[in-house]
All heavy atoms as atom14 arrays in JSON, in Angstrom:
{
  "sequence": "GLLLLYAVVFGVLIRSAMQAPDRMGSLLALGVASLLLFHTVVNISMTV",
  "atom14_mask": [
    [1, 1, 1, 1, 0, 0, 0, 0, 0, 0, 0, 0, 0, 0],
    [1, 1, 1, 1, 1, 1, 1, 1, 0, 0, 0, 0, 0, 0],
    [1, 1, 1, 1, 1, 1, 1, 1, 0, 0, 0, 0, 0, 0],
    [1, 1, 1, 1, 1, 1, 1, 1, 0, 0, 0, 0, 0, 0],
    [1, 1, 1, 1, 1, 1, 1, 1, 0, 0, 0, 0, 0, 0],
    [1, 1, 1, 1, 1, 1, 1, 1, 1, 1, 1, 1, 0, 0],
    [1, 1, 1, 1, 1, 0, 0, 0, 0, 0, 0, 0, 0, 0],
    [1, 1, 1, 1, 1, 1, 1, 0, 0, 0, 0, 0, 0, 0],
    [1, 1, 1, 1, 1, 1, 1, 0, 0, 0, 0, 0, 0, 0],
    [1, 1, 1, 1, 1, 1, 1, 1, 1, 1, 1, 0, 0, 0],
    [1, 1, 1, 1, 0, 0, 0, 0, 0, 0, 0, 0, 0, 0],
    [1, 1, 1, 1, 1, 1, 1, 0, 0, 0, 0, 0, 0, 0],
    [1, 1, 1, 1, 1, 1, 1, 1, 0, 0, 0, 0, 0, 0],
    [1, 1, 1, 1, 1, 1, 1, 1, 0, 0, 0, 0, 0, 0],
    [1, 1, 1, 1, 1, 1, 1, 1, 1, 1, 1, 0, 0, 0],
    [1, 1, 1, 1, 1, 1, 0, 0, 0, 0, 0, 0, 0, 0],
    [1, 1, 1, 1, 1, 0, 0, 0, 0, 0, 0, 0, 0, 0],
    [1, 1, 1, 1, 1, 1, 1, 1, 0, 0, 0, 0, 0, 0],
    [1, 1, 1, 1, 1, 1, 1, 1, 1, 0, 0, 0, 0, 0],
    [1, 1, 1, 1, 1, 0, 0, 0, 0, 0, 0, 0, 0, 0],
    [1, 1, 1, 1, 1, 1, 1, 0, 0, 0, 0, 0, 0, 0],
    [1, 1, 1, 1, 1, 1, 1, 1, 0, 0, 0, 0, 0, 0],
    [1, 1, 1, 1, 1, 1, 1, 1, 1, 1, 1, 0, 0, 0],
    [1, 1, 1, 1, 1, 1, 1, 1, 0, 0, 0, 0, 0, 0],
    [1, 1, 1, 1, 0, 0, 0, 0, 0, 0, 0, 0, 0, 0],
    [1, 1, 1, 1, 1, 1, 0, 0, 0, 0, 0, 0, 0, 0],
    [1, 1, 1, 1, 1, 1, 1, 1, 0, 0, 0, 0, 0, 0],
    [1, 1, 1, 1, 1, 1, 1, 1, 0, 0, 0, 0, 0, 0],
    [1, 1, 1, 1, 1, 0, 0, 0, 0, 0, 0, 0, 0, 0],
    [1, 1, 1, 1, 1, 1, 1, 1, 0, 0, 0, 0, 0, 0],
    [1, 1, 1, 1, 0, 0, 0, 0, 0, 0, 0, 0, 0, 0],
    [1, 1, 1, 1, 1, 1, 1, 0, 0, 0, 0, 0, 0, 0],
    [1, 1, 1, 1, 1, 0, 0, 0, 0, 0, 0, 0, 0, 0],
    [1, 1, 1, 1, 1, 1, 0, 0, 0, 0, 0, 0, 0, 0],
    [1, 1, 1, 1, 1, 1, 1, 1, 0, 0, 0, 0, 0, 0],
    [1, 1, 1, 1, 1, 1, 1, 1, 0, 0, 0, 0, 0, 0],
    [1, 1, 1, 1, 1, 1, 1, 1, 0, 0, 0, 0, 0, 0],
    [1, 1, 1, 1, 1, 1, 1, 1, 1, 1, 1, 0, 0, 0],
    [1, 1, 1, 1, 1, 1, 1, 1, 1, 1, 0, 0, 0, 0],
    [1, 1, 1, 1, 1, 1, 1, 0, 0, 0, 0, 0, 0, 0],
    [1, 1, 1, 1, 1, 1, 1, 0, 0, 0, 0, 0, 0, 0],
    [1, 1, 1, 1, 1, 1, 1, 0, 0, 0, 0, 0, 0, 0],
    [1, 1, 1, 1, 1, 1, 1, 1, 0, 0, 0, 0, 0, 0],
    [1, 1, 1, 1, 1, 1, 1, 1, 0, 0, 0, 0, 0, 0],
    [1, 1, 1, 1, 1, 1, 0, 0, 0, 0, 0, 0, 0, 0],
    [1, 1, 1, 1, 1, 1, 1, 1, 0, 0, 0, 0, 0, 0],
    [1, 1, 1, 1, 1, 1, 1, 0, 0, 0, 0, 0, 0, 0],
    [1, 1, 1, 1, 1, 1, 1, 0, 0, 0, 0, 0, 0, 0]
  ],
  "atom14_positions": [
    [[-30.4, 34.43, -96.54], [-30.73, 35.27, -95.37], [-30.23, 34.55, -94.18], [-29.63, 35.12, -93.29], [0.0, 0.0, 0.0], [0.0, 0.0, 0.0], [0.0, 0.0, 0.0], [0.0, 0.0, 0.0], [0.0, 0.0, 0.0], [0.0, 0.0, 0.0], [0.0, 0.0, 0.0], [0.0, 0.0, 0.0], [0.0, 0.0, 0.0], [0.0, 0.0, 0.0]],
    [[-30.49, 33.3, -94.11], [-29.99, 32.44, -92.86], [-28.49, 32.53, -92.89], [-27.89, 32.75, -91.8], [-30.42, 31.03, -93.05], [-30.02, 30.03, -91.88], [-30.47, 30.58, -90.54], [-30.41, 28.6, -92.12], [0.0, 0.0, 0.0], [0.0, 0.0, 0.0], [0.0, 0.0, 0.0], [0.0, 0.0, 0.0], [0.0, 0.0, 0.0], [0.0, 0.0, 0.0]],
    [[-27.76, 32.37, -93.96], [-26.35, 32.33, -93.92], [-25.83, 33.74, -93.51], [-24.72, 33.86, -92.84], [-25.81, 31.95, -95.31], [-26.11, 30.55, -95.83], [-25.54, 30.33, -97.15], [-25.42, 29.56, -94.84], [0.0, 0.0, 0.0], [0.0, 0.0, 0.0], [0.0, 0.0, 0.0], [0.0, 0.0, 0.0], [0.0, 0.0, 0.0], [0.0, 0.0, 0.0]],
    [[-26.54, 34.87, -93.97], [-26.12, 36.22, -93.48], [-26.22, 36.39, -91.97], [-25.36, 36.93, -91.38], [-27.04, 37.1, -94.24], [-26.63, 38.61, -93.92], [-25.22, 38.94, -94.32], [-27.64, 39.6, -94.69], [0.0, 0.0, 0.0], [0.0, 0.0, 0.0], [0.0, 0.0, 0.0], [0.0, 0.0, 0.0], [0.0, 0.0, 0.0], [0.0, 0.0, 0.0]],
    [[-27.39, 35.83, -91.36], [-27.55, 35.93, -89.98], [-26.3, 35.16, -89.29], [-25.82, 35.69, -88.32], [-28.78, 35.26, -89.54], [-30.05, 36.15, -89.8], [-31.39, 35.41, -89.58], [-30.17, 37.33, -88.91], [0.0, 0.0, 0.0], [0.0, 0.0, 0.0], [0.0, 0.0, 0.0], [0.0, 0.0, 0.0], [0.0, 0.0, 0.0], [0.0, 0.0, 0.0]],
    [[-26.06, 33.98, -89.83], [-24.96, 33.25, -89.19], [-23.56, 34.05, -89.21], [-22.74, 33.95, -88.34], [-24.77, 31.89, -89.83], [-25.66, 30.69, -89.18], [-26.59, 29.99, -89.88], [-25.35, 30.32, -87.95], [-27.35, 29.06, -89.37], [-26.09, 29.32, -87.35], [-27.0, 28.67, -88.03], [-27.77, 27.7, -87.48], [0.0, 0.0, 0.0], [0.0, 0.0, 0.0]],
    [[-23.41, 34.6, -90.48], [-22.15, 35.29, -90.72], [-22.0, 36.57, -89.65], [-20.91, 36.75, -89.29], [-22.11, 35.85, -92.19], [0.0, 0.0, 0.0], [0.0, 0.0, 0.0], [0.0, 0.0, 0.0], [0.0, 0.0, 0.0], [0.0, 0.0, 0.0], [0.0, 0.0, 0.0], [0.0, 0.0, 0.0], [0.0, 0.0, 0.0], [0.0, 0.0, 0.0]],
    [[-23.04, 37.16, -89.47], [-23.08, 38.25, -88.55], [-22.73, 37.82, -87.13], [-21.93, 38.39, -86.47], [-24.4, 39.11, -88.53], [-24.45, 40.1, -87.45], [-24.72, 39.76, -89.87], [0.0, 0.0, 0.0], [0.0, 0.0, 0.0], [0.0, 0.0, 0.0], [0.0, 0.0, 0.0], [0.0, 0.0, 0.0], [0.0, 0.0, 0.0], [0.0, 0.0, 0.0]],
    [[-23.38, 36.73, -86.72], [-23.06, 36.24, -85.33], [-21.59, 35.79, -85.33], [-20.88, 36.07, -84.32], [-24.01, 35.03, -85.17], [-23.58, 34.36, -83.74], [-25.52, 35.45, -84.92], [0.0, 0.0, 0.0], [0.0, 0.0, 0.0], [0.0, 0.0, 0.0], [0.0, 0.0, 0.0], [0.0, 0.0, 0.0], [0.0, 0.0, 0.0], [0.0, 0.0, 0.0]],
    [[-21.1, 35.15, -86.4], [-19.77, 34.61, -86.27], [-18.77, 35.75, -86.47], [-17.73, 35.74, -85.63], [-19.53, 33.75, -87.49], [-20.17, 32.39, -87.41], [-20.68, 31.96, -88.67], [-20.43, 31.71, -86.29], [-21.24, 30.54, -88.67], [-21.1, 30.62, -86.2], [-21.46, 29.85, -87.42], [0.0, 0.0, 0.0], [0.0, 0.0, 0.0], [0.0, 0.0, 0.0]],
    [[-19.19, 36.88, -87.03], [-18.27, 38.08, -87.09], [-18.2, 38.65, -85.7], [-17.07, 39.03, -85.2], [0.0, 0.0, 0.0], [0.0, 0.0, 0.0], [0.0, 0.0, 0.0], [0.0, 0.0, 0.0], [0.0, 0.0, 0.0], [0.0, 0.0, 0.0], [0.0, 0.0, 0.0], [0.0, 0.0, 0.0], [0.0, 0.0, 0.0], [0.0, 0.0, 0.0]],
    [[-19.32, 38.81, -84.92], [-19.23, 39.2, -83.53], [-18.38, 38.35, -82.61], [-17.56, 38.89, -81.88], [-20.71, 39.3, -82.92], [-20.7, 39.65, -81.53], [-21.51, 40.34, -83.78], [0.0, 0.0, 0.0], [0.0, 0.0, 0.0], [0.0, 0.0, 0.0], [0.0, 0.0, 0.0], [0.0, 0.0, 0.0], [0.0, 0.0, 0.0], [0.0, 0.0, 0.0]],
    [[-18.53, 37.01, -82.86], [-17.76, 36.11, -82.04], [-16.16, 36.27, -82.33], [-15.38, 36.36, -81.33], [-18.06, 34.7, -82.22], [-19.48, 34.16, -81.85], [-19.81, 32.88, -82.2], [-19.79, 34.5, -80.37], [0.0, 0.0, 0.0], [0.0, 0.0, 0.0], [0.0, 0.0, 0.0], [0.0, 0.0, 0.0], [0.0, 0.0, 0.0], [0.0, 0.0, 0.0]],
    [[-15.86, 36.36, -83.56], [-14.37, 36.48, -84.02], [-13.92, 37.79, -83.46], [-12.75, 37.93, -82.87], [-14.3, 36.4, -85.41], [-14.65, 34.98, -86.02], [-12.85, 36.69, -85.79], [-13.79, 33.88, -85.32], [0.0, 0.0, 0.0], [0.0, 0.0, 0.0], [0.0, 0.0, 0.0], [0.0, 0.0, 0.0], [0.0, 0.0, 0.0], [0.0, 0.0, 0.0]],
    [[-14.68, 38.92, -83.59], [-14.21, 40.26, -83.21], [-14.08, 40.19, -81.52], [-13.14, 40.82, -81.05], [-15.33, 41.25, -83.66], [-14.85, 42.81, -83.31], [-15.75, 43.78, -83.93], [-15.44, 45.02, -83.62], [-14.46, 45.78, -84.32], [-13.82, 45.13, -85.35], [-14.26, 47.0, -83.99], [0.0, 0.0, 0.0], [0.0, 0.0, 0.0], [0.0, 0.0, 0.0]],
    [[-15.0, 39.51, -80.93], [-14.92, 39.47, -79.45], [-13.54, 38.74, -79.04], [-12.87, 39.03, -78.15], [-16.01, 38.66, -78.95], [-17.34, 39.32, -79.32], [0.0, 0.0, 0.0], [0.0, 0.0, 0.0], [0.0, 0.0, 0.0], [0.0, 0.0, 0.0], [0.0, 0.0, 0.0], [0.0, 0.0, 0.0], [0.0, 0.0, 0.0], [0.0, 0.0, 0.0]],
    [[-13.18, 37.64, -79.86], [-11.95, 37.02, -79.54], [-10.69, 37.88, -79.74], [-9.67, 37.85, -79.11], [-11.85, 35.72, -80.5], [0.0, 0.0, 0.0], [0.0, 0.0, 0.0], [0.0, 0.0, 0.0], [0.0, 0.0, 0.0], [0.0, 0.0, 0.0], [0.0, 0.0, 0.0], [0.0, 0.0, 0.0], [0.0, 0.0, 0.0], [0.0, 0.0, 0.0]],
    [[-10.72, 38.76, -80.8], [-9.72, 39.6, -81.17], [-9.49, 40.75, -80.12], [-8.39, 41.21, -79.93], [-9.91, 40.24, -82.61], [-9.72, 39.03, -83.75], [-10.16, 39.76, -85.32], [-8.78, 41.09, -85.5], [0.0, 0.0, 0.0], [0.0, 0.0, 0.0], [0.0, 0.0, 0.0], [0.0, 0.0, 0.0], [0.0, 0.0, 0.0], [0.0, 0.0, 0.0]],
    [[-10.62, 41.16, -79.57], [-10.62, 42.31, -78.65], [-10.64, 41.86, -77.15], [-10.77, 42.8, -76.31], [-11.83, 43.16, -78.89], [-11.9, 43.82, -80.23], [-13.14, 44.75, -80.47], [-14.1, 44.61, -79.84], [-13.03, 45.67, -81.41], [0.0, 0.0, 0.0], [0.0, 0.0, 0.0], [0.0, 0.0, 0.0], [0.0, 0.0, 0.0], [0.0, 0.0, 0.0]],
    [[-10.52, 40.59, -76.89], [-10.47, 40.12, -75.47], [-9.34, 40.72, -74.8], [-8.19, 40.96, -75.33], [-10.41, 38.69, -75.46], [0.0, 0.0, 0.0], [0.0, 0.0, 0.0], [0.0, 0.0, 0.0], [0.0, 0.0, 0.0], [0.0, 0.0, 0.0], [0.0, 0.0, 0.0], [0.0, 0.0, 0.0], [0.0, 0.0, 0.0], [0.0, 0.0, 0.0]],
    [[-9.59, 40.97, -73.51], [-8.54, 41.65, -72.69], [-7.24, 40.8, -72.29], [-6.18, 41.19, -71.88], [-9.07, 42.04, -71.48], [-10.3, 41.23, -71.27], [-10.7, 40.89, -72.73], [0.0, 0.0, 0.0], [0.0, 0.0, 0.0], [0.0, 0.0, 0.0], [0.0, 0.0, 0.0], [0.0, 0.0, 0.0], [0.0, 0.0, 0.0], [0.0, 0.0, 0.0]],
    [[-7.31, 39.43, -72.55], [-6.2, 38.49, -72.27], [-6.45, 37.18, -73.07], [-7.47, 36.98, -73.78], [-6.18, 38.16, -70.71], [-7.46, 37.65, -70.16], [-8.3, 37.05, -70.93], [-7.74, 37.84, -69.1], [0.0, 0.0, 0.0], [0.0, 0.0, 0.0], [0.0, 0.0, 0.0], [0.0, 0.0, 0.0], [0.0, 0.0, 0.0], [0.0, 0.0, 0.0]],
    [[-5.52, 36.41, -72.96], [-5.28, 35.14, -73.74], [-6.63, 34.21, -73.41], [-7.1, 33.56, -74.21], [-4.13, 34.4, -73.69], [-3.89, 33.25, -74.51], [-2.59, 32.4, -74.08], [-1.47, 33.33, -74.45], [-0.7, 33.25, -75.6], [-1.17, 32.49, -76.46], [0.34, 34.06, -75.64], [0.0, 0.0, 0.0], [0.0, 0.0, 0.0], [0.0, 0.0, 0.0]],
    [[-6.88, 34.12, -72.13], [-8.0, 33.38, -71.75], [-9.29, 33.68, -72.28], [-10.02, 32.81, -72.86], [-8.04, 33.5, -70.11], [-9.19, 32.68, -69.62], [-8.88, 30.9, -69.31], [-10.38, 30.38, -68.51], [0.0, 0.0, 0.0], [0.0, 0.0, 0.0], [0.0, 0.0, 0.0], [0.0, 0.0, 0.0], [0.0, 0.0, 0.0], [0.0, 0.0, 0.0]],
    [[-9.63, 35.07, -72.28], [-10.77, 35.47, -72.85], [-10.78, 35.24, -74.4], [-11.84, 34.8, -75.0], [0.0, 0.0, 0.0], [0.0, 0.0, 0.0], [0.0, 0.0, 0.0], [0.0, 0.0, 0.0], [0.0, 0.0, 0.0], [0.0, 0.0, 0.0], [0.0, 0.0, 0.0], [0.0, 0.0, 0.0], [0.0, 0.0, 0.0], [0.0, 0.0, 0.0]],
    [[-9.66, 35.37, -75.12], [-9.64, 35.21, -76.48], [-9.84, 33.75, -76.83], [-10.5, 33.52, -77.83], [-8.2, 35.75, -76.95], [-8.2, 35.45, -78.4], [0.0, 0.0, 0.0], [0.0, 0.0, 0.0], [0.0, 0.0, 0.0], [0.0, 0.0, 0.0], [0.0, 0.0, 0.0], [0.0, 0.0, 0.0], [0.0, 0.0, 0.0], [0.0, 0.0, 0.0]],
    [[-9.2, 32.86, -76.09], [-9.46, 31.42, -76.47], [-10.87, 30.97, -76.14], [-11.36, 30.01, -76.84], [-8.42, 30.62, -75.58], [-6.91, 30.61, -76.04], [-6.02, 30.02, -75.06], [-6.7, 30.12, -77.48], [0.0, 0.0, 0.0], [0.0, 0.0, 0.0], [0.0, 0.0, 0.0], [0.0, 0.0, 0.0], [0.0, 0.0, 0.0], [0.0, 0.0, 0.0]],
    [[-11.47, 31.52, -75.12], [-12.82, 31.03, -74.88], [-13.68, 31.56, -76.06], [-14.6, 30.71, -76.58], [-13.28, 31.72, -73.53], [-12.82, 31.03, -72.22], [-13.26, 32.05, -70.98], [-13.39, 29.65, -72.04], [0.0, 0.0, 0.0], [0.0, 0.0, 0.0], [0.0, 0.0, 0.0], [0.0, 0.0, 0.0], [0.0, 0.0, 0.0], [0.0, 0.0, 0.0]],
    [[-13.61, 32.77, -76.44], [-14.49, 33.27, -77.57], [-14.16, 32.54, -78.81], [-15.08, 32.15, -79.69], [-14.27, 34.71, -77.69], [0.0, 0.0, 0.0], [0.0, 0.0, 0.0], [0.0, 0.0, 0.0], [0.0, 0.0, 0.0], [0.0, 0.0, 0.0], [0.0, 0.0, 0.0], [0.0, 0.0, 0.0], [0.0, 0.0, 0.0], [0.0, 0.0, 0.0]],
    [[-12.78, 32.32, -78.99], [-12.44, 31.41, -80.28], [-13.14, 30.12, -80.25], [-13.41, 29.65, -81.2], [-10.89, 31.49, -80.4], [-10.46, 30.79, -81.64], [-10.95, 31.49, -82.9], [-8.91, 30.67, -81.53], [0.0, 0.0, 0.0], [0.0, 0.0, 0.0], [0.0, 0.0, 0.0], [0.0, 0.0, 0.0], [0.0, 0.0, 0.0], [0.0, 0.0, 0.0]],
    [[-12.95, 29.5, -78.99], [-13.53, 28.1, -78.87], [-15.01, 28.02, -79.36], [-15.35, 27.18, -80.13], [0.0, 0.0, 0.0], [0.0, 0.0, 0.0], [0.0, 0.0, 0.0], [0.0, 0.0, 0.0], [0.0, 0.0, 0.0], [0.0, 0.0, 0.0], [0.0, 0.0, 0.0], [0.0, 0.0, 0.0], [0.0, 0.0, 0.0], [0.0, 0.0, 0.0]],
    [[-15.79, 28.98, -78.72], [-17.23, 29.03, -79.06], [-17.4, 29.3, -80.53], [-18.3, 28.57, -81.13], [-17.94, 29.97, -78.17], [-19.37, 30.2, -78.54], [-17.76, 29.62, -76.67], [0.0, 0.0, 0.0], [0.0, 0.0, 0.0], [0.0, 0.0, 0.0], [0.0, 0.0, 0.0], [0.0, 0.0, 0.0], [0.0, 0.0, 0.0], [0.0, 0.0, 0.0]],
    [[-16.74, 30.17, -81.03], [-16.82, 30.56, -82.57], [-16.55, 29.32, -83.33], [-17.26, 28.96, -84.33], [-15.93, 31.7, -82.86], [0.0, 0.0, 0.0], [0.0, 0.0, 0.0], [0.0, 0.0, 0.0], [0.0, 0.0, 0.0], [0.0, 0.0, 0.0], [0.0, 0.0, 0.0], [0.0, 0.0, 0.0], [0.0, 0.0, 0.0], [0.0, 0.0, 0.0]],
    [[-15.48, 28.53, -83.03], [-15.07, 27.41, -83.83], [-16.09, 26.29, -83.69], [-16.43, 25.58, -84.66], [-13.72, 26.96, -83.21], [-12.7, 27.91, -83.32], [0.0, 0.0, 0.0], [0.0, 0.0, 0.0], [0.0, 0.0, 0.0], [0.0, 0.0, 0.0], [0.0, 0.0, 0.0], [0.0, 0.0, 0.0], [0.0, 0.0, 0.0], [0.0, 0.0, 0.0]],
    [[-16.69, 26.22, -82.44], [-17.64, 25.1, -82.28], [-18.91, 25.37, -83.19], [-19.29, 24.45, -83.95], [-18.13, 25.05, -80.88], [-19.32, 24.33, -80.39], [-19.09, 22.79, -80.78], [-19.73, 24.55, -79.06], [0.0, 0.0, 0.0], [0.0, 0.0, 0.0], [0.0, 0.0, 0.0], [0.0, 0.0, 0.0], [0.0, 0.0, 0.0], [0.0, 0.0, 0.0]],
    [[-19.42, 26.56, -83.18], [-20.62, 26.84, -83.85], [-20.36, 27.01, -85.35], [-21.17, 26.56, -86.2], [-21.17, 28.22, -83.38], [-21.56, 28.33, -82.02], [-22.09, 29.65, -81.59], [-22.68, 27.27, -81.72], [0.0, 0.0, 0.0], [0.0, 0.0, 0.0], [0.0, 0.0, 0.0], [0.0, 0.0, 0.0], [0.0, 0.0, 0.0], [0.0, 0.0, 0.0]],
    [[-19.26, 27.38, -85.87], [-18.9, 27.47, -87.31], [-18.74, 26.09, -87.77], [-19.18, 25.76, -88.88], [-17.51, 28.18, -87.45], [-17.07, 28.37, -88.82], [-18.09, 29.16, -89.63], [-15.7, 29.02, -88.94], [0.0, 0.0, 0.0], [0.0, 0.0, 0.0], [0.0, 0.0, 0.0], [0.0, 0.0, 0.0], [0.0, 0.0, 0.0], [0.0, 0.0, 0.0]],
    [[-18.08, 25.12, -87.02], [-17.92, 23.7, -87.56], [-19.35, 23.07, -87.73], [-19.53, 22.41, -88.73], [-17.05, 23.0, -86.63], [-16.65, 21.64, -86.91], [-15.59, 21.39, -87.83], [-17.49, 20.5, -86.56], [-15.19, 19.96, -88.29], [-17.21, 19.25, -87.02], [-16.06, 19.04, -87.84], [0.0, 0.0, 0.0], [0.0, 0.0, 0.0], [0.0, 0.0, 0.0]],
    [[-20.1, 23.28, -86.74], [-21.45, 22.68, -86.86], [-22.24, 23.27, -88.08], [-22.79, 22.54, -88.76], [-22.17, 23.0, -85.55], [-22.0, 22.02, -84.47], [-22.99, 21.2, -84.14], [-20.99, 21.7, -83.73], [-22.54, 20.34, -83.19], [-21.3, 20.74, -82.86], [0.0, 0.0, 0.0], [0.0, 0.0, 0.0], [0.0, 0.0, 0.0], [0.0, 0.0, 0.0]],
    [[-22.17, 24.58, -88.14], [-22.98, 25.19, -89.32], [-22.42, 24.69, -90.69], [-23.24, 24.32, -91.57], [-22.75, 26.66, -89.14], [-23.37, 27.13, -87.98], [-23.63, 27.29, -90.19], [0.0, 0.0, 0.0], [0.0, 0.0, 0.0], [0.0, 0.0, 0.0], [0.0, 0.0, 0.0], [0.0, 0.0, 0.0], [0.0, 0.0, 0.0], [0.0, 0.0, 0.0]],
    [[-21.15, 24.75, -90.94], [-20.57, 24.38, -92.21], [-20.87, 23.03, -92.55], [-21.27, 22.62, -93.6], [-19.05, 24.68, -92.21], [-18.4, 24.1, -93.43], [-18.89, 26.25, -92.15], [0.0, 0.0, 0.0], [0.0, 0.0, 0.0], [0.0, 0.0, 0.0], [0.0, 0.0, 0.0], [0.0, 0.0, 0.0], [0.0, 0.0, 0.0], [0.0, 0.0, 0.0]],
    [[-20.57, 22.06, -91.52], [-20.83, 20.61, -91.75], [-22.17, 20.33, -91.92], [-22.65, 19.51, -92.91], [-20.15, 19.71, -90.64], [-20.42, 18.22, -90.8], [-18.55, 20.01, -90.55], [0.0, 0.0, 0.0], [0.0, 0.0, 0.0], [0.0, 0.0, 0.0], [0.0, 0.0, 0.0], [0.0, 0.0, 0.0], [0.0, 0.0, 0.0], [0.0, 0.0, 0.0]],
    [[-23.09, 20.84, -91.09], [-24.56, 20.57, -91.31], [-25.13, 20.86, -92.57], [-25.8, 20.08, -93.28], [-25.34, 21.13, -90.19], [-26.71, 20.92, -90.15], [-27.51, 21.61, -90.94], [-27.21, 19.87, -89.53], [0.0, 0.0, 0.0], [0.0, 0.0, 0.0], [0.0, 0.0, 0.0], [0.0, 0.0, 0.0], [0.0, 0.0, 0.0], [0.0, 0.0, 0.0]],
    [[-24.87, 22.1, -92.92], [-25.4, 22.58, -94.23], [-24.83, 21.89, -95.51], [-25.37, 21.51, -96.44], [-25.24, 24.03, -94.36], [-26.08, 24.86, -93.29], [-25.57, 24.56, -95.78], [-25.89, 26.32, -93.26], [0.0, 0.0, 0.0], [0.0, 0.0, 0.0], [0.0, 0.0, 0.0], [0.0, 0.0, 0.0], [0.0, 0.0, 0.0], [0.0, 0.0, 0.0]],
    [[-23.45, 21.62, -95.3], [-22.85, 20.82, -96.35], [-23.36, 19.45, -96.47], [-23.48, 18.94, -97.71], [-21.31, 20.74, -96.07], [-20.79, 22.0, -96.14], [0.0, 0.0, 0.0], [0.0, 0.0, 0.0], [0.0, 0.0, 0.0], [0.0, 0.0, 0.0], [0.0, 0.0, 0.0], [0.0, 0.0, 0.0], [0.0, 0.0, 0.0], [0.0, 0.0, 0.0]],
    [[-23.71, 18.73, -95.35], [-24.25, 17.37, -95.54], [-25.63, 17.53, -96.04], [-26.04, 16.41, -96.71], [-24.08, 16.6, -94.23], [-25.01, 17.12, -93.12], [-24.61, 16.24, -91.68], [-26.12, 16.47, -90.6], [0.0, 0.0, 0.0], [0.0, 0.0, 0.0], [0.0, 0.0, 0.0], [0.0, 0.0, 0.0], [0.0, 0.0, 0.0], [0.0, 0.0, 0.0]],
    [[-26.51, 18.43, -95.79], [-27.85, 18.43, -96.36], [-27.82, 18.62, -97.87], [-28.89, 18.3, -98.52], [-28.56, 19.56, -95.69], [-27.98, 20.75, -95.92], [-28.77, 19.33, -94.19], [0.0, 0.0, 0.0], [0.0, 0.0, 0.0], [0.0, 0.0, 0.0], [0.0, 0.0, 0.0], [0.0, 0.0, 0.0], [0.0, 0.0, 0.0], [0.0, 0.0, 0.0]],
    [[-26.79, 19.29, -98.46], [-26.79, 19.68, -99.87], [-25.89, 18.62, -100.56], [-25.64, 18.7, -101.81], [-26.33, 21.07, -100.3], [-27.32, 22.09, -99.65], [-24.83, 21.27, -99.72], [0.0, 0.0, 0.0], [0.0, 0.0, 0.0], [0.0, 0.0, 0.0], [0.0, 0.0, 0.0], [0.0, 0.0, 0.0], [0.0, 0.0, 0.0], [0.0, 0.0, 0.0]]
  ]
}
């Protein structure tokens, strides 16, 4: 359930990057998505 919640949030972030009106907006959204995705994957991976 937790992973599903993260997946929904990441999906919104990636879609926001794809639909941004310009490159600046797309890179900002992609950067935030990458930051949170890296943290989530590495954190959960190290606990297991």
